[in-house]
Amino acid sequence: MVENPAREGGKLSRSAAGEPTYGVAQSDVQYKAYMGEGTFAKGGANPDQCSVFSIHAEPFSVVARADAGVANFEDLKGKRVNVGNPGSGQRGAMEVLMAALGWTMDDFALTSELQVAEQIQALCDNNIDAMVYTVGHPSGSTQEATTACDVVLVNVTGEAVDKLVADHPYYRHATIPGGMYRGKDAEVIGVGATPITSAALPDDVVNALVKPDFSDIDAFRGLQPAFATHDPAQMVSDGLSAPLHPCAEKHYREVGLIKWSRSVTSEVPGRRRQGGGPAFKRGGMT
């Protein structure tokens, strides 16, 4: 799981100031910082911000009690929902989806702002009908929720969701495979997690970051379950909300991951295909 947007915003703001920072950001937050949108509008666009590569997808996951009658996101209206604590990735995604549907907090019977660790118990104790979580899969928290009580993974689909994906290049459709947890596949949307930095980060530091990971991809895949299906070619092209750091791009070209005829550094987010990270494919999540 990536850091919450408030912390990501701090790193991205320091990157805008030219500091040689390094961190992990959600693709939507990085896109807004690079383009100078949303909470980053005051500081303007940040052309010095760079991606290093993309890692796992962060699908917006909704888990509901089986007896709550929730099959799709729109069924949450009138239910008791944990909307996520302020500043968290899930709260931000929840508010975006609510705005797309024209909802406010008053459209729920009850809302809570529990931390991730608290919402599973609240769900099993029947204090809430559903919880939301933006996380890479497989997820220990989602596994706990699906085994601790009778719950279902909820689809996040519909015309409003399709428009959201079409209008914002950092969102992608994804599938949470049913075999990963108890129950059926869930069709959702999500963002990607991307190591980010600024052009000021020295080349030797960038090389120290990328060369070990890409020289032994099997070791990288073994770091955590969410990395298990990573494809190096996708890691250097999909889900990048800002251009690659020039040194990272140079390395990827030298090892054949990027063709020399293709310019990645000059590509502008929103004018090329934005994958949600290597765990995404055009039809969902691998």
Protein backbone atom coordinates (compact mmCIF):
# COMPACT_ATOMS: atom_id res chain seq x y z
CA MET A 1 0.00 0.00 0.00
CA VAL A 2 1.30 3.48 -0.77
CA GLU A 3 1.50 6.28 1.73
CA ASN A 4 -1.52 8.46 2.28
CA PRO A 5 -1.94 11.45 -0.04
CA ALA A 6 -1.11 13.98 2.67
CA ARG A 7 2.34 12.48 3.08
CA GLU A 8 2.67 11.99 -0.67
CA GLY A 9 1.80 15.64 -1.14
CA GLY A 10 4.69 16.65 1.11
CA LYS A 11 7.17 14.69 -0.99
CA LEU A 12 5.69 16.02 -4.23
CA SER A 13 5.80 19.59 -2.95
CA ARG A 14 9.47 19.20 -2.02
CA SER A 15 10.06 17.75 -5.48
CA ALA A 16 8.48 20.87 -6.95
CA ALA A 17 10.93 22.96 -4.95
CA GLY A 18 13.82 21.16 -6.63
CA GLU A 19 14.80 19.01 -3.68
CA PRO A 20 16.19 15.55 -4.60
CA THR A 21 13.37 13.65 -2.88
CA TYR A 22 12.36 10.03 -3.34
CA GLY A 23 9.12 8.34 -2.33
CA VAL A 24 6.06 6.43 -3.51
CA ALA A 25 2.89 8.18 -4.69
CA GLN A 26 -0.48 7.16 -6.06
CA SER A 27 -0.73 7.90 -9.78
CA ASP A 28 -3.65 10.31 -9.31
CA VAL A 29 -1.78 12.39 -6.72
CA GLN A 30 1.38 12.43 -8.83
CA TYR A 31 -0.54 13.46 -11.95
CA LYS A 32 -2.10 16.42 -10.17
CA ALA A 33 1.29 17.51 -8.79
CA TYR A 34 2.96 17.22 -12.20
CA MET A 35 0.18 19.13 -13.96
CA GLY A 36 -0.38 21.66 -11.15
CA GLU A 37 -3.98 20.70 -10.47
CA GLY A 38 -6.15 20.34 -7.36
CA THR A 39 -4.25 20.96 -4.14
CA PHE A 40 -1.10 21.61 -6.21
CA ALA A 41 -2.67 24.37 -8.35
CA LYS A 42 -1.17 27.19 -6.27
CA GLY A 43 2.37 26.04 -6.99
CA GLY A 44 1.69 25.44 -10.67
CA ALA A 45 2.92 22.62 -12.89
CA ASN A 46 6.08 20.77 -11.87
CA PRO A 47 8.03 19.75 -15.01
CA ASP A 48 10.99 18.58 -12.89
CA GLN A 49 8.98 15.82 -11.27
CA CYS A 50 9.91 12.34 -12.49
CA SER A 51 8.75 8.75 -12.27
CA VAL A 52 11.30 6.00 -11.62
CA PHE A 53 9.08 3.04 -12.57
CA SER A 54 5.61 1.82 -11.68
CA ILE A 55 4.80 -0.92 -9.21
CA HIS A 56 1.55 -2.54 -8.20
CA ALA A 57 -1.97 -1.37 -8.83
CA GLU A 58 -4.04 0.11 -6.01
CA PRO A 59 -7.65 -0.92 -6.77
CA PHE A 60 -10.47 0.82 -4.94
CA SER A 61 -11.89 -2.14 -3.04
CA VAL A 62 -15.34 -2.25 -1.42
CA VAL A 63 -16.17 -5.05 1.02
CA ALA A 64 -19.76 -5.39 2.26
CA ARG A 65 -21.63 -7.66 4.60
CA ALA A 66 -23.34 -10.45 2.65
CA ASP A 67 -26.67 -9.61 4.31
CA ALA A 68 -26.49 -5.89 3.41
CA GLY A 69 -27.77 -6.31 -0.16
CA VAL A 70 -24.80 -4.53 -1.74
CA ALA A 71 -23.66 -5.89 -5.12
CA ASN A 72 -22.51 -2.66 -6.80
CA PHE A 73 -21.17 0.65 -5.51
CA GLU A 74 -24.46 2.41 -6.20
CA ASP A 75 -26.15 0.03 -3.72
CA LEU A 76 -24.24 1.78 -0.91
CA LYS A 77 -26.77 4.61 -0.96
CA GLY A 78 -28.76 4.48 2.27
CA LYS A 79 -26.28 2.08 3.91
CA ARG A 80 -23.87 2.39 6.84
CA VAL A 81 -20.46 2.95 5.29
CA ASN A 82 -16.95 3.53 6.58
CA VAL A 83 -15.80 6.21 4.12
CA GLY A 84 -12.18 6.18 5.27
CA ASN A 85 -10.24 8.49 7.53
CA PRO A 86 -9.50 12.01 6.19
CA GLY A 87 -6.31 12.20 4.13
CA SER A 88 -6.31 8.51 3.24
CA GLY A 89 -6.28 7.15 -0.32
CA GLN A 90 -9.61 5.42 0.19
CA ARG A 91 -11.27 8.60 1.47
CA GLY A 92 -10.03 10.52 -1.57
CA ALA A 93 -11.29 7.86 -3.98
CA MET A 94 -14.59 7.66 -2.13
CA GLU A 95 -15.15 11.41 -2.45
CA VAL A 96 -14.32 11.32 -6.18
CA LEU A 97 -16.83 8.53 -6.78
CA MET A 98 -19.47 10.26 -4.69
CA ALA A 99 -19.01 13.48 -6.68
CA ALA A 100 -19.34 11.53 -9.94
CA LEU A 101 -22.69 10.18 -8.73
CA GLY A 102 -23.85 13.49 -7.28
CA TRP A 103 -23.87 12.11 -3.74
CA THR A 104 -23.07 13.72 -0.39
CA MET A 105 -22.46 12.12 2.99
CA ASP A 106 -26.16 12.63 3.70
CA ASP A 107 -26.96 9.92 1.14
CA PHE A 108 -25.74 7.28 3.59
CA ALA A 109 -27.65 6.09 6.62
CA LEU A 110 -24.45 6.43 8.64
CA THR A 111 -20.83 7.28 7.88
CA SER A 112 -17.74 6.53 9.93
CA GLU A 113 -14.07 7.49 9.54
CA LEU A 114 -12.41 4.44 11.04
CA GLN A 115 -8.81 3.49 10.43
CA VAL A 116 -8.15 0.41 8.30
CA ALA A 117 -7.41 -1.74 11.35
CA GLU A 118 -10.72 -0.75 12.97
CA GLN A 119 -13.12 -1.11 10.06
CA ILE A 120 -12.87 -4.90 9.73
CA GLN A 121 -14.06 -5.42 13.30
CA ALA A 122 -16.85 -2.87 12.80
CA LEU A 123 -17.97 -4.73 9.68
CA CYS A 124 -18.01 -8.12 11.42
CA ASP A 125 -19.79 -6.65 14.47
CA ASN A 126 -22.56 -5.32 12.18
CA ASN A 127 -21.79 -1.72 13.08
CA ILE A 128 -21.31 -0.85 9.40
CA ASP A 129 -22.60 -2.42 6.17
CA ALA A 130 -19.52 -1.79 4.05
CA MET A 131 -15.93 -0.61 4.15
CA VAL A 132 -13.67 0.82 1.43
CA TYR A 133 -9.95 0.38 0.93
CA THR A 134 -7.44 1.46 -1.74
CA VAL A 135 -4.79 -1.24 -1.65
CA GLY A 136 -2.62 -3.55 -3.71
CA HIS A 137 -3.77 -7.16 -3.92
CA PRO A 138 -3.43 -9.70 -2.47
CA SER A 139 -4.06 -7.76 0.71
CA GLY A 140 -3.82 -9.12 4.24
CA SER A 141 -6.58 -6.80 5.42
CA THR A 142 -8.95 -7.89 2.67
CA GLN A 143 -8.10 -11.52 3.37
CA GLU A 144 -8.88 -10.99 7.05
CA ALA A 145 -12.23 -9.37 6.25
CA THR A 146 -13.29 -12.15 3.86
CA THR A 147 -12.45 -14.88 6.35
CA ALA A 148 -13.52 -13.26 9.65
CA CYS A 149 -17.18 -12.84 8.65
CA ASP A 150 -19.64 -13.36 5.80
CA VAL A 151 -18.82 -10.62 3.30
CA VAL A 152 -18.70 -9.99 -0.46
CA LEU A 153 -16.42 -8.00 -2.75
CA VAL A 154 -18.48 -5.24 -4.39
CA ASN A 155 -18.34 -4.16 -8.05
CA VAL A 156 -17.53 -0.52 -8.81
CA THR A 157 -19.06 -0.16 -12.27
CA GLY A 158 -21.61 1.88 -14.21
CA GLU A 159 -21.83 4.88 -16.55
CA ALA A 160 -20.51 7.36 -13.98
CA VAL A 161 -17.51 5.13 -13.31
CA ASP A 162 -16.82 4.67 -17.02
CA LYS A 163 -16.88 8.46 -17.51
CA LEU A 164 -14.53 8.91 -14.56
CA VAL A 165 -12.00 6.55 -16.14
CA ALA A 166 -12.39 8.15 -19.56
CA ASP A 167 -11.88 11.67 -18.19
CA HIS A 168 -8.92 10.93 -15.89
CA PRO A 169 -5.89 9.09 -17.31
CA TYR A 170 -4.65 7.98 -13.89
CA TYR A 171 -7.75 5.82 -13.25
CA ARG A 172 -8.09 2.37 -14.80
CA HIS A 173 -10.63 -0.42 -14.77
CA ALA A 174 -9.40 -3.48 -12.89
CA THR A 175 -10.55 -6.90 -11.77
CA ILE A 176 -9.94 -8.36 -8.31
CA PRO A 177 -9.89 -12.11 -9.06
CA GLY A 178 -12.39 -14.13 -7.05
CA GLY A 179 -9.87 -16.88 -6.47
CA MET A 180 -7.70 -14.45 -4.55
CA TYR A 181 -10.31 -14.26 -1.79
CA ARG A 182 -13.59 -16.00 -1.04
CA GLY A 183 -16.27 -15.09 -3.59
CA LYS A 184 -16.54 -13.99 -7.20
CA ASP A 185 -14.47 -11.59 -9.28
CA ALA A 186 -15.05 -7.90 -8.53
CA GLU A 187 -14.89 -5.33 -11.33
CA VAL A 188 -13.49 -2.10 -9.90
CA ILE A 189 -11.33 0.93 -10.70
CA GLY A 190 -8.04 2.00 -9.22
CA VAL A 191 -4.80 3.90 -9.42
CA GLY A 192 -1.18 2.81 -9.57
CA ALA A 193 1.66 3.11 -7.08
CA THR A 194 4.76 4.81 -8.51
CA PRO A 195 8.21 5.52 -7.03
CA ILE A 196 8.71 9.23 -7.74
CA THR A 197 11.54 11.73 -7.53
CA SER A 198 12.78 14.99 -9.04
CA ALA A 199 15.23 15.62 -11.86
CA ALA A 200 17.62 16.85 -9.14
CA LEU A 201 18.17 13.34 -7.79
CA PRO A 202 21.78 12.42 -8.76
CA ASP A 203 22.27 9.76 -11.43
CA ASP A 204 24.29 7.49 -9.13
CA VAL A 205 21.39 7.39 -6.67
CA VAL A 206 18.90 6.59 -9.44
CA ASN A 207 21.18 3.81 -10.72
CA ALA A 208 21.39 2.38 -7.21
CA LEU A 209 17.60 2.30 -7.10
CA VAL A 210 16.81 0.76 -10.48
CA LYS A 211 19.70 -1.54 -11.35
CA PRO A 212 19.29 -4.03 -8.45
CA ASP A 213 15.52 -4.34 -9.01
CA PHE A 214 15.74 -4.91 -12.75
CA SER A 215 18.87 -7.08 -12.74
CA ASP A 216 17.13 -9.63 -10.49
CA ILE A 217 13.42 -9.28 -11.19
CA ASP A 218 12.64 -12.60 -9.46
CA ALA A 219 14.07 -11.25 -6.20
CA PHE A 220 11.97 -8.10 -6.62
CA ARG A 221 8.83 -10.18 -7.24
CA GLY A 222 9.51 -12.05 -4.02
CA LEU A 223 9.53 -8.91 -1.88
CA GLN A 224 5.75 -9.05 -1.42
CA PRO A 225 2.77 -10.85 -2.99
CA ALA A 226 1.56 -7.72 -4.83
CA PHE A 227 4.81 -7.77 -6.86
CA ALA A 228 4.50 -11.42 -7.93
CA THR A 229 3.23 -10.82 -11.48
CA HIS A 230 5.33 -7.77 -12.32
CA ASP A 231 6.56 -7.50 -15.90
CA PRO A 232 9.67 -5.27 -16.31
CA ALA A 233 8.46 -3.94 -19.68
CA GLN A 234 5.20 -2.80 -18.09
CA MET A 235 6.96 -1.37 -15.05
CA VAL A 236 8.79 1.16 -17.24
CA SER A 237 5.83 2.17 -19.40
CA ASP A 238 2.41 1.66 -17.77
CA GLY A 239 0.91 3.83 -15.07
CA LEU A 240 3.47 6.65 -15.25
CA SER A 241 1.86 10.00 -14.40
CA ALA A 242 5.10 11.92 -15.04
CA PRO A 243 8.03 11.25 -17.41
CA LEU A 244 10.80 8.89 -16.36
CA HIS A 245 13.92 10.27 -14.69
CA PRO A 246 16.45 10.60 -17.57
CA CYS A 247 18.96 8.29 -15.89
CA ALA A 248 16.32 5.62 -15.29
CA GLU A 249 15.15 5.90 -18.90
CA LYS A 250 18.75 5.57 -20.13
CA HIS A 251 19.17 2.35 -18.15
CA TYR A 252 15.90 0.89 -19.43
CA ARG A 253 16.97 1.62 -23.01
CA GLU A 254 20.38 0.03 -22.47
CA VAL A 255 18.82 -3.22 -21.24
CA GLY A 256 16.22 -3.25 -24.03
CA LEU A 257 13.08 -2.47 -22.01
CA ILE A 258 12.44 0.68 -24.05
CA LYS A 259 13.08 0.94 -27.78
CA TRP A 260 15.43 3.75 -28.80
CA SER A 261 12.88 4.96 -31.35
CA ARG A 262 10.41 5.76 -28.58
CA SER A 263 10.58 8.91 -26.47
CA VAL A 264 9.31 8.43 -22.94
CA THR A 265 10.78 11.52 -21.28
CA SER A 266 8.94 13.84 -23.65
CA GLU A 267 5.58 12.14 -23.32
CA VAL A 268 2.95 14.18 -21.56
CA PRO A 269 0.50 12.53 -19.12
CA GLY A 270 -2.99 12.47 -20.56
CA ARG A 271 -1.73 12.23 -24.16
CA ARG A 272 -0.72 8.62 -24.02
CA ARG A 273 -2.16 5.43 -22.56
CA GLN A 274 -2.02 5.50 -18.80
CA GLY A 275 -1.96 2.02 -17.34
CA GLY A 276 -2.84 1.66 -13.67
CA GLY A 277 0.45 -0.08 -12.91
CA PRO A 278 1.84 -3.46 -13.85
CA ALA A 279 -0.96 -5.28 -12.06
CA PHE A 280 -3.43 -3.73 -14.51
CA LYS A 281 -4.19 -4.79 -18.03
CA ARG A 282 -6.66 -3.15 -20.37
CA GLY A 283 -9.38 -5.57 -19.31
CA GLY A 284 -8.52 -5.65 -15.60
CA MET A 285 -5.91 -6.76 -13.13
CA THR A 286 -3.69 -9.80 -13.66
